[in-house]
C-alpha atoms as a PDB file:
ATOM      1  CA  UNK A   1     232.222 229.384  80.368  1.00  0.00           C
ATOM      2  CA  UNK A   2     230.433 226.848  78.128  1.00  0.00           C
ATOM      3  CA  UNK A   3     231.271 223.806  80.205  1.00  0.00           C
ATOM      4  CA  UNK A   4     228.841 221.150  81.333  1.00  0.00           C
ATOM      5  CA  UNK A   5     228.713 219.903  84.947  1.00  0.00           C
ATOM      6  CA  UNK A   6     231.865 218.069  86.025  1.00  0.00           C
ATOM      7  CA  UNK A   7     229.905 214.915  86.902  1.00  0.00           C
ATOM      8  CA  UNK A   8     228.889 214.451  83.229  1.00  0.00           C
ATOM      9  CA  UNK A   9     230.788 211.762  81.282  1.00  0.00           C
ATOM     10  CA  UNK A  10     233.845 212.911  79.317  1.00  0.00           C
ATOM     11  CA  UNK A  11     232.163 211.969  76.037  1.00  0.00           C
ATOM     12  CA  UNK A  12     228.939 213.880  76.804  1.00  0.00           C
ATOM     13  CA  UNK A  13     229.484 216.714  74.347  1.00  0.00           C
ATOM     14  CA  UNK A  14     230.993 214.602  71.551  1.00  0.00           C
ATOM     15  CA  UNK A  15     228.877 211.437  71.702  1.00  0.00           C
ATOM     16  CA  UNK A  16     225.752 211.940  73.858  1.00  0.00           C
ATOM     17  CA  UNK A  17     224.519 215.512  73.316  1.00  0.00           C
ATOM     18  CA  UNK A  18     222.263 215.514  70.209  1.00  0.00           C
ATOM     19  CA  UNK A  19     223.876 217.270  67.232  1.00  0.00           C
ATOM     20  CA  UNK A  20     220.495 218.965  66.610  1.00  0.00           C
ATOM     21  CA  UNK A  21     220.455 220.651  70.034  1.00  0.00           C
ATOM     22  CA  UNK A  22     220.649 224.432  69.594  1.00  0.00           C
ATOM     23  CA  UNK A  23     221.356 227.391  71.794  1.00  0.00           C
ATOM     24  CA  UNK A  24     218.013 229.143  71.456  1.00  0.00           C
ATOM     25  CA  UNK A  25     215.436 230.967  73.520  1.00  0.00           C
ATOM     26  CA  UNK A  26     212.238 228.908  73.798  1.00  0.00           C
ATOM     27  CA  UNK A  27     209.360 230.029  76.040  1.00  0.00           C
ATOM     28  CA  UNK A  28     208.888 227.227  78.580  1.00  0.00           C
ATOM     29  CA  UNK A  29     207.484 226.217  81.950  1.00  0.00           C
ATOM     30  CA  UNK A  30     209.572 224.449  84.576  1.00  0.00           C
ATOM     31  CA  UNK A  31     208.349 222.641  87.672  1.00  0.00           C
ATOM     32  CA  UNK A  32     210.349 223.997  90.607  1.00  0.00           C
ATOM     33  CA  UNK A  33     210.409 221.083  93.055  1.00  0.00           C
ATOM     34  CA  UNK A  34     212.029 222.529  96.154  1.00  0.00           C
ATOM     35  CA  UNK A  35     210.155 225.791  96.706  1.00  0.00           C
ATOM     36  CA  UNK A  36     212.516 228.474  95.304  1.00  0.00           C
ATOM     37  CA  UNK A  37     213.603 229.682  91.875  1.00  0.00           C
ATOM     38  CA  UNK A  38     217.367 229.319  92.295  1.00  0.00           C
ATOM     39  CA  UNK A  39     220.267 227.659  90.478  1.00  0.00           C
ATOM     40  CA  UNK A  40     219.623 224.356  92.279  1.00  0.00           C
ATOM     41  CA  UNK A  41     216.137 224.254  90.720  1.00  0.00           C
ATOM     42  CA  UNK A  42     217.737 223.795  87.297  1.00  0.00           C
ATOM     43  CA  UNK A  43     220.033 220.826  87.822  1.00  0.00           C
ATOM     44  CA  UNK A  44     219.651 217.822  85.538  1.00  0.00           C
ATOM     45  CA  UNK A  45     218.177 214.448  86.428  1.00  0.00           C
ATOM     46  CA  UNK A  46     221.707 213.018  86.327  1.00  0.00           C
ATOM     47  CA  UNK A  47     222.931 215.637  88.829  1.00  0.00           C
ATOM     48  CA  UNK A  48     219.942 214.903  91.101  1.00  0.00           C
ATOM     49  CA  UNK A  49     220.921 211.219  91.077  1.00  0.00           C
ATOM     50  CA  UNK A  50     224.615 212.028  91.677  1.00  0.00           C
ATOM     51  CA  UNK A  51     223.699 214.218  94.673  1.00  0.00           C
ATOM     52  CA  UNK A  52     221.376 211.571  96.127  1.00  0.00           C
ATOM     53  CA  UNK A  53     218.276 213.751  95.722  1.00  0.00           C
ATOM     54  CA  UNK A  54     216.472 211.071  93.717  1.00  0.00           C
ATOM     55  CA  UNK A  55     217.150 207.339  93.411  1.00  0.00           C
ATOM     56  CA  UNK A  56     218.796 206.051  90.227  1.00  0.00           C
ATOM     57  CA  UNK A  57     216.400 204.757  87.614  1.00  0.00           C
ATOM     58  CA  UNK A  58     216.267 200.956  87.475  1.00  0.00           C
ATOM     59  CA  UNK A  59     217.449 200.733  83.878  1.00  0.00           C
ATOM     60  CA  UNK A  60     219.301 203.977  83.343  1.00  0.00           C
ATOM     61  CA  UNK A  61     220.780 204.371  79.868  1.00  0.00           C
ATOM     62  CA  UNK A  62     223.863 206.554  80.314  1.00  0.00           C
ATOM     63  CA  UNK A  63     223.843 207.278  76.570  1.00  0.00           C
ATOM     64  CA  UNK A  64     220.351 208.819  76.743  1.00  0.00           C
ATOM     65  CA  UNK A  65     220.846 212.593  76.443  1.00  0.00           C
ATOM     66  CA  UNK A  66     217.577 213.189  78.319  1.00  0.00           C
ATOM     67  CA  UNK A  67     218.964 212.181  81.713  1.00  0.00           C
ATOM     68  CA  UNK A  68     221.581 214.954  81.467  1.00  0.00           C
ATOM     69  CA  UNK A  69     218.976 217.610  80.714  1.00  0.00           C
ATOM     70  CA  UNK A  70     216.771 219.904  82.722  1.00  0.00           C
ATOM     71  CA  UNK A  71     213.157 219.212  81.769  1.00  0.00           C
ATOM     72  CA  UNK A  72     210.777 221.946  80.686  1.00  0.00           C
ATOM     73  CA  UNK A  73     207.475 222.062  78.810  1.00  0.00           C
ATOM     74  CA  UNK A  74     206.195 224.541  76.276  1.00  0.00           C
ATOM     75  CA  UNK A  75     202.558 223.985  77.357  1.00  0.00           C
ATOM     76  CA  UNK A  76     201.399 225.068  80.817  1.00  0.00           C
ATOM     77  CA  UNK A  77     198.964 222.118  81.037  1.00  0.00           C
ATOM     78  CA  UNK A  78     201.827 219.622  80.644  1.00  0.00           C
ATOM     79  CA  UNK A  79     203.853 221.327  83.383  1.00  0.00           C
ATOM     80  CA  UNK A  80     200.722 221.313  85.545  1.00  0.00           C
ATOM     81  CA  UNK A  81     200.395 217.532  85.053  1.00  0.00           C
ATOM     82  CA  UNK A  82     204.026 217.042  86.154  1.00  0.00           C
ATOM     83  CA  UNK A  83     203.443 219.378  89.110  1.00  0.00           C
ATOM     84  CA  UNK A  84     200.503 217.266  90.263  1.00  0.00           C
ATOM     85  CA  UNK A  85     202.726 214.157  90.190  1.00  0.00           C
ATOM     86  CA  UNK A  86     205.510 215.885  92.148  1.00  0.00           C
ATOM     87  CA  UNK A  87     203.213 217.414  94.771  1.00  0.00           C
ATOM     88  CA  UNK A  88     203.011 214.080  96.588  1.00  0.00           C
ATOM     89  CA  UNK A  89     206.763 214.056  97.210  1.00  0.00           C
ATOM     90  CA  UNK A  90     207.561 217.772  96.939  1.00  0.00           C
ATOM     91  CA  UNK A  91     204.791 219.746  98.655  1.00  0.00           C
ATOM     92  CA  UNK A  92     206.535 223.084  97.986  1.00  0.00           C
ATOM     93  CA  UNK A  93     206.636 222.513  94.218  1.00  0.00           C
ATOM     94  CA  UNK A  94     205.269 225.156  91.830  1.00  0.00           C
ATOM     95  CA  UNK A  95     205.519 226.166  88.183  1.00  0.00           C
ATOM     96  CA  UNK A  96     207.824 228.883  86.883  1.00  0.00           C
ATOM     97  CA  UNK A  97     207.622 230.483  83.447  1.00  0.00           C
ATOM     98  CA  UNK A  98     210.682 231.595  81.533  1.00  0.00           C
ATOM     99  CA  UNK A  99     212.833 230.712  78.587  1.00  0.00           C
ATOM    100  CA  UNK A 100     215.685 228.429  77.677  1.00  0.00           C
ATOM    101  CA  UNK A 101     218.129 231.325  77.558  1.00  0.00           C
ATOM    102  CA  UNK A 102     220.644 230.447  74.827  1.00  0.00           C
ATOM    103  CA  UNK A 103     223.663 231.634  76.811  1.00  0.00           C
ATOM    104  CA  UNK A 104     222.848 229.006  79.472  1.00  0.00           C
ATOM    105  CA  UNK A 105     223.067 226.007  77.128  1.00  0.00           C
ATOM    106  CA  UNK A 106     221.494 224.244  74.161  1.00  0.00           C
ATOM    107  CA  UNK A 107     217.982 222.800  74.129  1.00  0.00           C
ATOM    108  CA  UNK A 108     215.854 220.547  71.970  1.00  0.00           C
ATOM    109  CA  UNK A 109     212.199 219.607  71.722  1.00  0.00           C
ATOM    110  CA  UNK A 110     212.363 215.971  72.842  1.00  0.00           C
ATOM    111  CA  UNK A 111     209.936 214.909  70.094  1.00  0.00           C
ATOM    112  CA  UNK A 112     212.621 215.825  67.524  1.00  0.00           C
ATOM    113  CA  UNK A 113     214.518 212.675  68.529  1.00  0.00           C
ATOM    114  CA  UNK A 114     211.915 210.482  70.281  1.00  0.00           C
ATOM    115  CA  UNK A 115     208.465 209.234  69.351  1.00  0.00           C
ATOM    116  CA  UNK A 116     206.212 211.437  71.499  1.00  0.00           C
ATOM    117  CA  UNK A 117     203.464 214.015  71.116  1.00  0.00           C
ATOM    118  CA  UNK A 118     204.051 216.380  74.052  1.00  0.00           C
ATOM    119  CA  UNK A 119     205.973 219.666  74.243  1.00  0.00           C
ATOM    120  CA  UNK A 120     208.733 218.396  76.545  1.00  0.00           C
ATOM    121  CA  UNK A 121     211.997 220.295  76.088  1.00  0.00           C
ATOM    122  CA  UNK A 122     215.437 219.005  77.105  1.00  0.00           C
ATOM    123  CA  UNK A 123     217.779 221.809  78.156  1.00  0.00           C
ATOM    124  CA  UNK A 124     221.464 221.030  78.739  1.00  0.00           C
ATOM    125  CA  UNK A 125     222.589 223.783  81.081  1.00  0.00           C
ATOM    126  CA  UNK A 126     226.181 224.957  81.346  1.00  0.00           C
ATOM    127  CA  UNK A 127     227.749 224.654  84.776  1.00  0.00           C
ATOM    128  CA  UNK A 128     228.619 228.327  85.275  1.00  0.00           C
ATOM    129  CA  UNK A 129     225.317 229.777  84.041  1.00  0.00           C
ATOM    130  CA  UNK A 130     222.319 231.325  85.801  1.00  0.00           C
ATOM    131  CA  UNK A 131     219.117 230.000  84.194  1.00  0.00           C
ATOM    132  CA  UNK A 132     217.076 230.999  87.248  1.00  0.00           C
ATOM    133  CA  UNK A 133     217.228 234.707  86.372  1.00  0.00           C
ATOM    134  CA  UNK A 134     215.090 234.019  83.292  1.00  0.00           C
ATOM    135  CA  UNK A 135     212.203 232.455  85.269  1.00  0.00           C
ATOM    136  CA  UNK A 136     209.470 233.588  87.641  1.00  0.00           C
ATOM    137  CA  UNK A 137     206.713 231.795  89.494  1.00  0.00           C
ATOM    138  CA  UNK A 138     203.333 231.664  87.764  1.00  0.00           C
ATOM    139  CA  UNK A 139     199.912 230.607  88.885  1.00  0.00           C
ATOM    140  CA  UNK A 140     197.172 228.902  86.914  1.00  0.00           C
ATOM    141  CA  UNK A 141     195.343 232.205  86.361  1.00  0.00           C
ATOM    142  CA  UNK A 142     198.131 233.806  84.314  1.00  0.00           C
END
């Protein structure tokens, strides 16, 4: 059950995934780019690149754990900022509120390993999990 997507490198778990990443429930917001809260809305950046949904980054570091994660934010305002960037390319995008359900994979506040001041959370989701059931659409008034 606790397997990462097949497209991930063989050494992902042993050499790329941060040792400090924990299976824990953190309340987070996630920008849902394609208009529905479903399993596809929780694929990693790396999976999006592999599927041709987004172009590869110019200088992609395959040892950066962040590209294998699903991005979330603990602050609504930060998710809202990301949403406003995505709206140009993904007009059906919206924000969903939920939690990094621990049975779906480990997570880590990105600032624990990088110099940054935001509440960005990396969540490495297991292949056979259903993170979408822990999220629902929110609006700015909630």
